[in-house]
mmCIF file of all heavy atoms, coordinates in Angstrom:
data_MODEL
# 
_entry.id   MODEL 
# 
loop_
_atom_site.group_PDB 
_atom_site.id 
_atom_site.type_symbol 
_atom_site.label_atom_id 
_atom_site.label_alt_id 
_atom_site.label_comp_id 
_atom_site.label_asym_id 
_atom_site.label_entity_id 
_atom_site.label_seq_id 
_atom_site.pdbx_PDB_ins_code 
_atom_site.Cartn_x 
_atom_site.Cartn_y 
_atom_site.Cartn_z 
_atom_site.occupancy 
_atom_site.B_iso_or_equiv 
_atom_site.pdbx_formal_charge 
_atom_site.auth_seq_id 
_atom_site.auth_comp_id 
_atom_site.auth_asym_id 
_atom_site.auth_atom_id 
_atom_site.pdbx_PDB_model_num 
ATOM 1   N N   . ALA A 1 1  ? 61.733 -70.021 -283.240 1.00 0.00 ? 1  ALA A N   1 
ATOM 2   C CA  . ALA A 1 1  ? 60.613 -69.390 -282.531 1.00 0.00 ? 1  ALA A CA  1 
ATOM 3   C C   . ALA A 1 1  ? 61.129 -68.474 -281.419 1.00 0.00 ? 1  ALA A C   1 
ATOM 4   O O   . ALA A 1 1  ? 60.582 -67.367 -281.210 1.00 0.00 ? 1  ALA A O   1 
ATOM 5   C CB  . ALA A 1 1  ? 59.674 -70.442 -281.982 1.00 0.00 ? 1  ALA A CB  1 
ATOM 6   N N   . TRP A 1 2  ? 62.128 -68.923 -280.692 1.00 0.00 ? 2  TRP A N   1 
ATOM 7   C CA  . TRP A 1 2  ? 62.686 -68.108 -279.636 1.00 0.00 ? 2  TRP A CA  1 
ATOM 8   C C   . TRP A 1 2  ? 63.218 -66.783 -280.186 1.00 0.00 ? 2  TRP A C   1 
ATOM 9   O O   . TRP A 1 2  ? 62.998 -65.718 -279.635 1.00 0.00 ? 2  TRP A O   1 
ATOM 10  C CB  . TRP A 1 2  ? 63.792 -68.858 -278.905 1.00 0.00 ? 2  TRP A CB  1 
ATOM 11  C CG  . TRP A 1 2  ? 64.377 -68.087 -277.746 1.00 0.00 ? 2  TRP A CG  1 
ATOM 12  C CD1 . TRP A 1 2  ? 63.894 -68.025 -276.476 1.00 0.00 ? 2  TRP A CD1 1 
ATOM 13  C CD2 . TRP A 1 2  ? 65.503 -67.204 -277.788 1.00 0.00 ? 2  TRP A CD2 1 
ATOM 14  N NE1 . TRP A 1 2  ? 64.664 -67.188 -275.711 1.00 0.00 ? 2  TRP A NE1 1 
ATOM 15  C CE2 . TRP A 1 2  ? 65.659 -66.684 -276.495 1.00 0.00 ? 2  TRP A CE2 1 
ATOM 16  C CE3 . TRP A 1 2  ? 66.399 -66.846 -278.776 1.00 0.00 ? 2  TRP A CE3 1 
ATOM 17  C CZ2 . TRP A 1 2  ? 66.666 -65.794 -276.171 1.00 0.00 ? 2  TRP A CZ2 1 
ATOM 18  C CZ3 . TRP A 1 2  ? 67.425 -65.967 -278.456 1.00 0.00 ? 2  TRP A CZ3 1 
ATOM 19  C CH2 . TRP A 1 2  ? 67.563 -65.463 -277.167 1.00 0.00 ? 2  TRP A CH2 1 
ATOM 20  N N   . HIS A 1 3  ? 63.954 -66.859 -281.301 1.00 0.00 ? 3  HIS A N   1 
ATOM 21  C CA  . HIS A 1 3  ? 64.503 -65.627 -281.900 1.00 0.00 ? 3  HIS A CA  1 
ATOM 22  C C   . HIS A 1 3  ? 63.373 -64.726 -282.388 1.00 0.00 ? 3  HIS A C   1 
ATOM 23  O O   . HIS A 1 3  ? 63.464 -63.487 -282.239 1.00 0.00 ? 3  HIS A O   1 
ATOM 24  C CB  . HIS A 1 3  ? 65.462 -65.968 -283.037 1.00 0.00 ? 3  HIS A CB  1 
ATOM 25  C CG  . HIS A 1 3  ? 66.809 -66.408 -282.549 1.00 0.00 ? 3  HIS A CG  1 
ATOM 26  N ND1 . HIS A 1 3  ? 67.711 -65.565 -281.981 1.00 0.00 ? 3  HIS A ND1 1 
ATOM 27  C CD2 . HIS A 1 3  ? 67.393 -67.619 -282.552 1.00 0.00 ? 3  HIS A CD2 1 
ATOM 28  C CE1 . HIS A 1 3  ? 68.797 -66.225 -281.635 1.00 0.00 ? 3  HIS A CE1 1 
ATOM 29  N NE2 . HIS A 1 3  ? 68.634 -67.489 -281.988 1.00 0.00 ? 3  HIS A NE2 1 
ATOM 30  N N   . MET A 1 4  ? 62.342 -65.290 -282.980 1.00 0.00 ? 4  MET A N   1 
ATOM 31  C CA  . MET A 1 4  ? 61.233 -64.473 -283.476 1.00 0.00 ? 4  MET A CA  1 
ATOM 32  C C   . MET A 1 4  ? 60.527 -63.773 -282.329 1.00 0.00 ? 4  MET A C   1 
ATOM 33  O O   . MET A 1 4  ? 60.170 -62.595 -282.421 1.00 0.00 ? 4  MET A O   1 
ATOM 34  C CB  . MET A 1 4  ? 60.231 -65.343 -284.243 1.00 0.00 ? 4  MET A CB  1 
ATOM 35  C CG  . MET A 1 4  ? 60.783 -65.833 -285.564 1.00 0.00 ? 4  MET A CG  1 
ATOM 36  S SD  . MET A 1 4  ? 59.631 -66.738 -286.595 1.00 0.00 ? 4  MET A SD  1 
ATOM 37  C CE  . MET A 1 4  ? 58.673 -67.710 -285.507 1.00 0.00 ? 4  MET A CE  1 
ATOM 38  N N   . LEU A 1 5  ? 60.312 -64.483 -281.208 1.00 0.00 ? 5  LEU A N   1 
ATOM 39  C CA  . LEU A 1 5  ? 59.630 -63.884 -280.071 1.00 0.00 ? 5  LEU A CA  1 
ATOM 40  C C   . LEU A 1 5  ? 60.507 -62.880 -279.338 1.00 0.00 ? 5  LEU A C   1 
ATOM 41  O O   . LEU A 1 5  ? 60.043 -61.845 -278.857 1.00 0.00 ? 5  LEU A O   1 
ATOM 42  C CB  . LEU A 1 5  ? 59.160 -64.960 -279.105 1.00 0.00 ? 5  LEU A CB  1 
ATOM 43  C CG  . LEU A 1 5  ? 58.076 -65.879 -279.631 1.00 0.00 ? 5  LEU A CG  1 
ATOM 44  C CD1 . LEU A 1 5  ? 57.827 -67.033 -278.671 1.00 0.00 ? 5  LEU A CD1 1 
ATOM 45  C CD2 . LEU A 1 5  ? 56.798 -65.116 -279.873 1.00 0.00 ? 5  LEU A CD2 1 
ATOM 46  N N   . THR A 1 6  ? 61.811 -63.158 -279.243 1.00 0.00 ? 6  THR A N   1 
ATOM 47  C CA  . THR A 1 6  ? 62.709 -62.270 -278.525 1.00 0.00 ? 6  THR A CA  1 
ATOM 48  C C   . THR A 1 6  ? 62.956 -60.975 -279.306 1.00 0.00 ? 6  THR A C   1 
ATOM 49  O O   . THR A 1 6  ? 62.913 -59.894 -278.745 1.00 0.00 ? 6  THR A O   1 
ATOM 50  C CB  . THR A 1 6  ? 64.066 -62.965 -278.271 1.00 0.00 ? 6  THR A CB  1 
ATOM 51  O OG1 . THR A 1 6  ? 63.820 -64.159 -277.540 1.00 0.00 ? 6  THR A OG1 1 
ATOM 52  C CG2 . THR A 1 6  ? 65.002 -62.081 -277.490 1.00 0.00 ? 6  THR A CG2 1 
ATOM 53  N N   . LEU A 1 7  ? 63.182 -61.108 -280.595 1.00 0.00 ? 7  LEU A N   1 
ATOM 54  C CA  . LEU A 1 7  ? 63.506 -59.933 -281.425 1.00 0.00 ? 7  LEU A CA  1 
ATOM 55  C C   . LEU A 1 7  ? 62.281 -59.292 -282.042 1.00 0.00 ? 7  LEU A C   1 
ATOM 56  O O   . LEU A 1 7  ? 62.396 -58.264 -282.716 1.00 0.00 ? 7  LEU A O   1 
ATOM 57  C CB  . LEU A 1 7  ? 64.481 -60.347 -282.544 1.00 0.00 ? 7  LEU A CB  1 
ATOM 58  C CG  . LEU A 1 7  ? 65.804 -60.940 -282.060 1.00 0.00 ? 7  LEU A CG  1 
ATOM 59  C CD1 . LEU A 1 7  ? 66.620 -61.439 -283.258 1.00 0.00 ? 7  LEU A CD1 1 
ATOM 60  C CD2 . LEU A 1 7  ? 66.592 -59.927 -281.261 1.00 0.00 ? 7  LEU A CD2 1 
ATOM 61  N N   . ARG A 1 8  ? 61.112 -59.910 -281.859 1.00 0.00 ? 8  ARG A N   1 
ATOM 62  C CA  . ARG A 1 8  ? 59.840 -59.422 -282.378 1.00 0.00 ? 8  ARG A CA  1 
ATOM 63  C C   . ARG A 1 8  ? 59.912 -59.219 -283.898 1.00 0.00 ? 8  ARG A C   1 
ATOM 64  O O   . ARG A 1 8  ? 59.600 -58.151 -284.429 1.00 0.00 ? 8  ARG A O   1 
ATOM 65  C CB  . ARG A 1 8  ? 59.441 -58.119 -281.691 1.00 0.00 ? 8  ARG A CB  1 
ATOM 66  C CG  . ARG A 1 8  ? 59.197 -58.247 -280.226 1.00 0.00 ? 8  ARG A CG  1 
ATOM 67  C CD  . ARG A 1 8  ? 58.786 -56.932 -279.607 1.00 0.00 ? 8  ARG A CD  1 
ATOM 68  N NE  . ARG A 1 8  ? 58.801 -56.980 -278.172 1.00 0.00 ? 8  ARG A NE  1 
ATOM 69  C CZ  . ARG A 1 8  ? 57.749 -57.320 -277.433 1.00 0.00 ? 8  ARG A CZ  1 
ATOM 70  N NH1 . ARG A 1 8  ? 56.617 -57.602 -278.011 1.00 0.00 ? 8  ARG A NH1 1 
ATOM 71  N NH2 . ARG A 1 8  ? 57.821 -57.331 -276.116 1.00 0.00 ? 8  ARG A NH2 1 
ATOM 72  N N   . ILE A 1 9  ? 60.329 -60.279 -284.585 1.00 0.00 ? 9  ILE A N   1 
ATOM 73  C CA  . ILE A 1 9  ? 60.396 -60.242 -286.031 1.00 0.00 ? 9  ILE A CA  1 
ATOM 74  C C   . ILE A 1 9  ? 59.693 -61.482 -286.581 1.00 0.00 ? 9  ILE A C   1 
ATOM 75  O O   . ILE A 1 9  ? 59.490 -62.454 -285.843 1.00 0.00 ? 9  ILE A O   1 
ATOM 76  C CB  . ILE A 1 9  ? 61.844 -60.224 -286.563 1.00 0.00 ? 9  ILE A CB  1 
ATOM 77  C CG1 . ILE A 1 9  ? 62.653 -61.416 -286.039 1.00 0.00 ? 9  ILE A CG1 1 
ATOM 78  C CG2 . ILE A 1 9  ? 62.543 -58.929 -286.195 1.00 0.00 ? 9  ILE A CG2 1 
ATOM 79  C CD1 . ILE A 1 9  ? 64.027 -61.551 -286.669 1.00 0.00 ? 9  ILE A CD1 1 
ATOM 80  N N   . GLY A 1 10 ? 59.312 -61.433 -287.839 1.00 0.00 ? 10 GLY A N   1 
ATOM 81  C CA  . GLY A 1 10 ? 58.699 -62.575 -288.507 1.00 0.00 ? 10 GLY A CA  1 
ATOM 82  C C   . GLY A 1 10 ? 59.762 -63.569 -288.973 1.00 0.00 ? 10 GLY A C   1 
ATOM 83  O O   . GLY A 1 10 ? 60.950 -63.286 -288.998 1.00 0.00 ? 10 GLY A O   1 
ATOM 84  N N   . TYR A 1 11 ? 59.263 -64.741 -289.375 1.00 0.00 ? 11 TYR A N   1 
ATOM 85  C CA  . TYR A 1 11 ? 60.185 -65.769 -289.853 1.00 0.00 ? 11 TYR A CA  1 
ATOM 86  C C   . TYR A 1 11 ? 60.657 -65.428 -291.251 1.00 0.00 ? 11 TYR A C   1 
ATOM 87  O O   . TYR A 1 11 ? 59.846 -65.154 -292.120 1.00 0.00 ? 11 TYR A O   1 
ATOM 88  C CB  . TYR A 1 11 ? 59.513 -67.134 -289.842 1.00 0.00 ? 11 TYR A CB  1 
ATOM 89  C CG  . TYR A 1 11 ? 60.412 -68.255 -290.330 1.00 0.00 ? 11 TYR A CG  1 
ATOM 90  C CD1 . TYR A 1 11 ? 61.509 -68.648 -289.588 1.00 0.00 ? 11 TYR A CD1 1 
ATOM 91  C CD2 . TYR A 1 11 ? 60.154 -68.885 -291.531 1.00 0.00 ? 11 TYR A CD2 1 
ATOM 92  C CE1 . TYR A 1 11 ? 62.324 -69.665 -290.040 1.00 0.00 ? 11 TYR A CE1 1 
ATOM 93  C CE2 . TYR A 1 11 ? 60.982 -69.898 -291.986 1.00 0.00 ? 11 TYR A CE2 1 
ATOM 94  C CZ  . TYR A 1 11 ? 62.068 -70.273 -291.234 1.00 0.00 ? 11 TYR A CZ  1 
ATOM 95  O OH  . TYR A 1 11 ? 62.880 -71.278 -291.678 1.00 0.00 ? 11 TYR A OH  1 
ATOM 96  N N   . GLN A 1 12 ? 61.946 -65.438 -291.474 1.00 0.00 ? 12 GLN A N   1 
ATOM 97  C CA  . GLN A 1 12 ? 62.531 -65.211 -292.803 1.00 0.00 ? 12 GLN A CA  1 
ATOM 98  C C   . GLN A 1 12 ? 63.362 -66.431 -293.128 1.00 0.00 ? 12 GLN A C   1 
ATOM 99  O O   . GLN A 1 12 ? 64.435 -66.642 -292.548 1.00 0.00 ? 12 GLN A O   1 
ATOM 100 C CB  . GLN A 1 12 ? 63.396 -63.958 -292.815 1.00 0.00 ? 12 GLN A CB  1 
ATOM 101 C CG  . GLN A 1 12 ? 62.598 -62.716 -292.570 1.00 0.00 ? 12 GLN A CG  1 
ATOM 102 C CD  . GLN A 1 12 ? 63.492 -61.493 -292.453 1.00 0.00 ? 12 GLN A CD  1 
ATOM 103 O OE1 . GLN A 1 12 ? 64.709 -61.613 -292.350 1.00 0.00 ? 12 GLN A OE1 1 
ATOM 104 N NE2 . GLN A 1 12 ? 62.885 -60.321 -292.465 1.00 0.00 ? 12 GLN A NE2 1 
ATOM 105 N N   . ASP A 1 13 ? 62.886 -67.241 -294.045 1.00 0.00 ? 13 ASP A N   1 
ATOM 106 C CA  . ASP A 1 13 ? 63.590 -68.467 -294.426 1.00 0.00 ? 13 ASP A CA  1 
ATOM 107 C C   . ASP A 1 13 ? 64.844 -68.089 -295.172 1.00 0.00 ? 13 ASP A C   1 
ATOM 108 O O   . ASP A 1 13 ? 64.805 -67.236 -296.071 1.00 0.00 ? 13 ASP A O   1 
ATOM 109 C CB  . ASP A 1 13 ? 62.702 -69.349 -295.264 1.00 0.00 ? 13 ASP A CB  1 
ATOM 110 C CG  . ASP A 1 13 ? 63.258 -70.730 -295.424 1.00 0.00 ? 13 ASP A CG  1 
ATOM 111 O OD1 . ASP A 1 13 ? 63.387 -71.442 -294.433 1.00 0.00 ? 13 ASP A OD1 1 
ATOM 112 O OD2 . ASP A 1 13 ? 63.619 -71.090 -296.579 1.00 0.00 ? 13 ASP A OD2 1 
ATOM 113 N N   . ILE A 1 14 ? 65.952 -68.760 -294.846 1.00 0.00 ? 14 ILE A N   1 
ATOM 114 C CA  . ILE A 1 14 ? 67.228 -68.414 -295.518 1.00 0.00 ? 14 ILE A CA  1 
ATOM 115 C C   . ILE A 1 14 ? 67.441 -69.261 -296.754 1.00 0.00 ? 14 ILE A C   1 
ATOM 116 O O   . ILE A 1 14 ? 68.449 -69.098 -297.442 1.00 0.00 ? 14 ILE A O   1 
ATOM 117 C CB  . ILE A 1 14 ? 68.399 -68.567 -294.549 1.00 0.00 ? 14 ILE A CB  1 
ATOM 118 C CG1 . ILE A 1 14 ? 68.413 -69.932 -293.885 1.00 0.00 ? 14 ILE A CG1 1 
ATOM 119 C CG2 . ILE A 1 14 ? 68.355 -67.479 -293.515 1.00 0.00 ? 14 ILE A CG2 1 
ATOM 120 C CD1 . ILE A 1 14 ? 69.559 -70.110 -292.902 1.00 0.00 ? 14 ILE A CD1 1 
ATOM 121 N N   . GLY A 1 15 ? 66.505 -70.158 -297.052 1.00 0.00 ? 15 GLY A N   1 
ATOM 122 C CA  . GLY A 1 15 ? 66.535 -70.876 -298.305 1.00 0.00 ? 15 GLY A CA  1 
ATOM 123 C C   . GLY A 1 15 ? 67.237 -72.224 -298.237 1.00 0.00 ? 15 GLY A C   1 
ATOM 124 O O   . GLY A 1 15 ? 68.053 -72.498 -297.356 1.00 0.00 ? 15 GLY A O   1 
ATOM 125 N N   . SER A 1 16 ? 66.873 -73.078 -299.192 1.00 0.00 ? 16 SER A N   1 
ATOM 126 C CA  . SER A 1 16 ? 67.439 -74.440 -299.215 1.00 0.00 ? 16 SER A CA  1 
ATOM 127 C C   . SER A 1 16 ? 68.878 -74.465 -299.698 1.00 0.00 ? 16 SER A C   1 
ATOM 128 O O   . SER A 1 16 ? 69.581 -75.429 -299.495 1.00 0.00 ? 16 SER A O   1 
ATOM 129 C CB  . SER A 1 16 ? 66.589 -75.319 -300.113 1.00 0.00 ? 16 SER A CB  1 
ATOM 130 O OG  . SER A 1 16 ? 66.605 -74.848 -301.444 1.00 0.00 ? 16 SER A OG  1 
ATOM 131 N N   . ASP A 1 17 ? 69.342 -73.366 -300.321 1.00 0.00 ? 17 ASP A N   1 
ATOM 132 C CA  . ASP A 1 17 ? 70.698 -73.309 -300.813 1.00 0.00 ? 17 ASP A CA  1 
ATOM 133 C C   . ASP A 1 17 ? 71.662 -72.672 -299.808 1.00 0.00 ? 17 ASP A C   1 
ATOM 134 O O   . ASP A 1 17 ? 72.796 -72.355 -300.148 1.00 0.00 ? 17 ASP A O   1 
ATOM 135 C CB  . ASP A 1 17 ? 70.767 -72.586 -302.161 1.00 0.00 ? 17 ASP A CB  1 
ATOM 136 C CG  . ASP A 1 17 ? 70.230 -71.154 -302.069 1.00 0.00 ? 17 ASP A CG  1 
ATOM 137 O OD1 . ASP A 1 17 ? 69.581 -70.836 -301.041 1.00 0.00 ? 17 ASP A OD1 1 
ATOM 138 O OD2 . ASP A 1 17 ? 70.443 -70.410 -303.025 1.00 0.00 ? 17 ASP A OD2 1 
ATOM 139 N N   . TYR A 1 18 ? 71.239 -72.521 -298.573 1.00 0.00 ? 18 TYR A N   1 
ATOM 140 C CA  . TYR A 1 18 ? 72.066 -71.917 -297.545 1.00 0.00 ? 18 TYR A CA  1 
ATOM 141 C C   . TYR A 1 18 ? 73.370 -72.673 -297.343 1.00 0.00 ? 18 TYR A C   1 
ATOM 142 O O   . TYR A 1 18 ? 74.432 -72.076 -297.221 1.00 0.00 ? 18 TYR A O   1 
ATOM 143 C CB  . TYR A 1 18 ? 71.287 -71.857 -296.217 1.00 0.00 ? 18 TYR A CB  1 
ATOM 144 C CG  . TYR A 1 18 ? 72.120 -71.410 -295.054 1.00 0.00 ? 18 TYR A CG  1 
ATOM 145 C CD1 . TYR A 1 18 ? 72.461 -70.067 -294.911 1.00 0.00 ? 18 TYR A CD1 1 
ATOM 146 C CD2 . TYR A 1 18 ? 72.542 -72.296 -294.082 1.00 0.00 ? 18 TYR A CD2 1 
ATOM 147 C CE1 . TYR A 1 18 ? 73.236 -69.641 -293.843 1.00 0.00 ? 18 TYR A CE1 1 
ATOM 148 C CE2 . TYR A 1 18 ? 73.325 -71.896 -293.015 1.00 0.00 ? 18 TYR A CE2 1 
ATOM 149 C CZ  . TYR A 1 18 ? 73.664 -70.559 -292.896 1.00 0.00 ? 18 TYR A CZ  1 
ATOM 150 O OH  . TYR A 1 18 ? 74.411 -70.140 -291.853 1.00 0.00 ? 18 TYR A OH  1 
ATOM 151 N N   . PHE A 1 19 ? 73.292 -73.997 -297.322 1.00 0.00 ? 19 PHE A N   1 
ATOM 152 C CA  . PHE A 1 19 ? 74.476 -74.799 -297.074 1.00 0.00 ? 19 PHE A CA  1 
ATOM 153 C C   . PHE A 1 19 ? 75.471 -74.723 -298.209 1.00 0.00 ? 19 PHE A C   1 
ATOM 154 O O   . PHE A 1 19 ? 76.668 -74.804 -298.020 1.00 0.00 ? 19 PHE A O   1 
ATOM 155 C CB  . PHE A 1 19 ? 74.081 -76.240 -296.749 1.00 0.00 ? 19 PHE A CB  1 
ATOM 156 C CG  . PHE A 1 19 ? 73.294 -76.363 -295.487 1.00 0.00 ? 19 PHE A CG  1 
ATOM 157 C CD1 . PHE A 1 19 ? 71.945 -76.639 -295.514 1.00 0.00 ? 19 PHE A CD1 1 
ATOM 158 C CD2 . PHE A 1 19 ? 73.905 -76.162 -294.243 1.00 0.00 ? 19 PHE A CD2 1 
ATOM 159 C CE1 . PHE A 1 19 ? 71.226 -76.748 -294.351 1.00 0.00 ? 19 PHE A CE1 1 
ATOM 160 C CE2 . PHE A 1 19 ? 73.170 -76.264 -293.077 1.00 0.00 ? 19 PHE A CE2 1 
ATOM 161 C CZ  . PHE A 1 19 ? 71.821 -76.564 -293.134 1.00 0.00 ? 19 PHE A CZ  1 
ATOM 162 N N   . THR A 1 20 ? 74.985 -74.602 -299.449 1.00 0.00 ? 20 THR A N   1 
ATOM 163 C CA  . THR A 1 20 ? 75.908 -74.497 -300.579 1.00 0.00 ? 20 THR A CA  1 
ATOM 164 C C   . THR A 1 20 ? 76.545 -73.102 -300.601 1.00 0.00 ? 20 THR A C   1 
ATOM 165 O O   . THR A 1 20 ? 77.693 -72.987 -301.057 1.00 0.00 ? 20 THR A O   1 
ATOM 166 C CB  . THR A 1 20 ? 75.177 -74.753 -301.904 1.00 0.00 ? 20 THR A CB  1 
ATOM 167 O OG1 . THR A 1 20 ? 74.067 -73.854 -302.028 1.00 0.00 ? 20 THR A OG1 1 
ATOM 168 C CG2 . THR A 1 20 ? 74.705 -76.172 -301.991 1.00 0.00 ? 20 THR A CG2 1 
ATOM 169 N N   . HIS A 1 21 ? 75.852 -72.095 -300.118 1.00 0.00 ? 21 HIS A N   1 
ATOM 170 C CA  . HIS A 1 21 ? 76.454 -70.756 -300.050 1.00 0.00 ? 21 HIS A CA  1 
ATOM 171 C C   . HIS A 1 21 ? 77.498 -70.670 -298.931 1.00 0.00 ? 21 HIS A C   1 
ATOM 172 O O   . HIS A 1 21 ? 78.419 -69.875 -298.991 1.00 0.00 ? 21 HIS A O   1 
ATOM 173 C CB  . HIS A 1 21 ? 75.391 -69.679 -299.854 1.00 0.00 ? 21 HIS A CB  1 
ATOM 174 C CG  . HIS A 1 21 ? 74.592 -69.403 -301.074 1.00 0.00 ? 21 HIS A CG  1 
ATOM 175 N ND1 . HIS A 1 21 ? 75.176 -68.993 -302.262 1.00 0.00 ? 21 HIS A ND1 1 
ATOM 176 C CD2 . HIS A 1 21 ? 73.287 -69.460 -301.329 1.00 0.00 ? 21 HIS A CD2 1 
ATOM 177 C CE1 . HIS A 1 21 ? 74.235 -68.814 -303.172 1.00 0.00 ? 21 HIS A CE1 1 
ATOM 178 N NE2 . HIS A 1 21 ? 73.084 -69.104 -302.609 1.00 0.00 ? 21 HIS A NE2 1 
ATOM 179 N N   . LEU A 1 22 ? 77.290 -71.475 -297.856 1.00 0.00 ? 22 LEU A N   1 
ATOM 180 C CA  . LEU A 1 22 ? 78.254 -71.464 -296.756 1.00 0.00 ? 22 LEU A CA  1 
ATOM 181 C C   . LEU A 1 22 ? 79.628 -71.878 -297.255 1.00 0.00 ? 22 LEU A C   1 
ATOM 182 O O   . LEU A 1 22 ? 80.613 -71.192 -296.989 1.00 0.00 ? 22 LEU A O   1 
ATOM 183 C CB  . LEU A 1 22 ? 77.813 -72.458 -295.684 1.00 0.00 ? 22 LEU A CB  1 
ATOM 184 C CG  . LEU A 1 22 ? 77.094 -71.906 -294.477 1.00 0.00 ? 22 LEU A CG  1 
ATOM 185 C CD1 . LEU A 1 22 ? 76.710 -73.027 -293.532 1.00 0.00 ? 22 LEU A CD1 1 
ATOM 186 C CD2 . LEU A 1 22 ? 77.835 -70.847 -293.760 1.00 0.00 ? 22 LEU A CD2 1 
ATOM 187 N N   . ASP A 1 23 ? 79.700 -72.992 -297.962 1.00 0.00 ? 23 ASP A N   1 
ATOM 188 C CA  . ASP A 1 23 ? 80.964 -73.469 -298.487 1.00 0.00 ? 23 ASP A CA  1 
ATOM 189 C C   . ASP A 1 23 ? 80.699 -74.172 -299.804 1.00 0.00 ? 23 ASP A C   1 
ATOM 190 O O   . ASP A 1 23 ? 80.385 -75.367 -299.848 1.00 0.00 ? 23 ASP A O   1 
ATOM 191 C CB  . ASP A 1 23 ? 81.612 -74.424 -297.496 1.00 0.00 ? 23 ASP A CB  1 
ATOM 192 C CG  . ASP A 1 23 ? 83.035 -74.794 -297.923 1.00 0.00 ? 23 ASP A CG  1 
ATOM 193 O OD1 . ASP A 1 23 ? 83.550 -74.206 -298.905 1.00 0.00 ? 23 ASP A OD1 1 
ATOM 194 O OD2 . ASP A 1 23 ? 83.644 -75.657 -297.238 1.00 0.00 ? 23 ASP A OD2 1 
ATOM 195 N N   . PRO A 1 24 ? 80.815 -73.447 -300.944 1.00 0.00 ? 24 PRO A N   1 
ATOM 196 C CA  . PRO A 1 24 ? 80.506 -74.056 -302.232 1.00 0.00 ? 24 PRO A CA  1 
ATOM 197 C C   . PRO A 1 24 ? 81.477 -75.156 -302.619 1.00 0.00 ? 24 PRO A C   1 
ATOM 198 O O   . PRO A 1 24 ? 81.159 -76.017 -303.450 1.00 0.00 ? 24 PRO A O   1 
ATOM 199 C CB  . PRO A 1 24 ? 80.576 -72.901 -303.213 1.00 0.00 ? 24 PRO A CB  1 
ATOM 200 C CG  . PRO A 1 24 ? 81.154 -71.756 -302.511 1.00 0.00 ? 24 PRO A CG  1 
ATOM 201 C CD  . PRO A 1 24 ? 81.168 -72.053 -301.032 1.00 0.00 ? 24 PRO A CD  1 
ATOM 202 N N   . ASN A 1 25 ? 82.670 -75.199 -302.063 1.00 0.00 ? 25 ASN A N   1 
ATOM 203 C CA  . ASN A 1 25 ? 83.659 -76.233 -302.412 1.00 0.00 ? 25 ASN A CA  1 
ATOM 204 C C   . ASN A 1 25 ? 83.607 -77.449 -301.488 1.00 0.00 ? 25 ASN A C   1 
ATOM 205 O O   . ASN A 1 25 ? 84.410 -78.343 -301.634 1.00 0.00 ? 25 ASN A O   1 
ATOM 206 C CB  . ASN A 1 25 ? 85.065 -75.627 -302.376 1.00 0.00 ? 25 ASN A CB  1 
ATOM 207 C CG  . ASN A 1 25 ? 85.211 -74.547 -303.394 1.00 0.00 ? 25 ASN A CG  1 
ATOM 208 O OD1 . ASN A 1 25 ? 84.628 -74.609 -304.473 1.00 0.00 ? 25 ASN A OD1 1 
ATOM 209 N ND2 . ASN A 1 25 ? 85.970 -73.540 -303.053 1.00 0.00 ? 25 ASN A ND2 1 
ATOM 210 N N   . ALA A 1 26 ? 82.679 -77.447 -300.536 1.00 0.00 ? 26 ALA A N   1 
ATOM 211 C CA  . ALA A 1 26 ? 82.584 -78.573 -299.613 1.00 0.00 ? 26 ALA A CA  1 
ATOM 212 C C   . ALA A 1 26 ? 82.124 -79.809 -300.327 1.00 0.00 ? 26 ALA A C   1 
ATOM 213 O O   . ALA A 1 26 ? 81.311 -79.747 -301.271 1.00 0.00 ? 26 ALA A O   1 
ATOM 214 C CB  . ALA A 1 26 ? 81.619 -78.235 -298.489 1.00 0.00 ? 26 ALA A CB  1 
ATOM 215 N N   . PRO A 1 27 ? 82.654 -80.961 -299.967 1.00 0.00 ? 27 PRO A N   1 
ATOM 216 C CA  . PRO A 1 27 ? 82.190 -82.203 -300.576 1.00 0.00 ? 27 PRO A CA  1 
ATOM 217 C C   . PRO A 1 27 ? 80.726 -82.442 -300.271 1.00 0.00 ? 27 PRO A C   1 
ATOM 218 O O   . PRO A 1 27 ? 80.263 -82.165 -299.153 1.00 0.00 ? 27 PRO A O   1 
ATOM 219 C CB  . PRO A 1 27 ? 83.061 -83.298 -299.970 1.00 0.00 ? 27 PRO A CB  1 
ATOM 220 C CG  . PRO A 1 27 ? 83.623 -82.694 -298.753 1.00 0.00 ? 27 PRO A CG  1 
ATOM 221 C CD  . PRO A 1 27 ? 83.673 -81.224 -298.952 1.00 0.00 ? 27 PRO A CD  1 
# 
């Protein structure tokens, strides 16, 4: 919410697969 209000942008969900894209080889 702070980022949305500060940057005056809407919420853009990065998706439930964000953590798998961060490190696909992570256990």
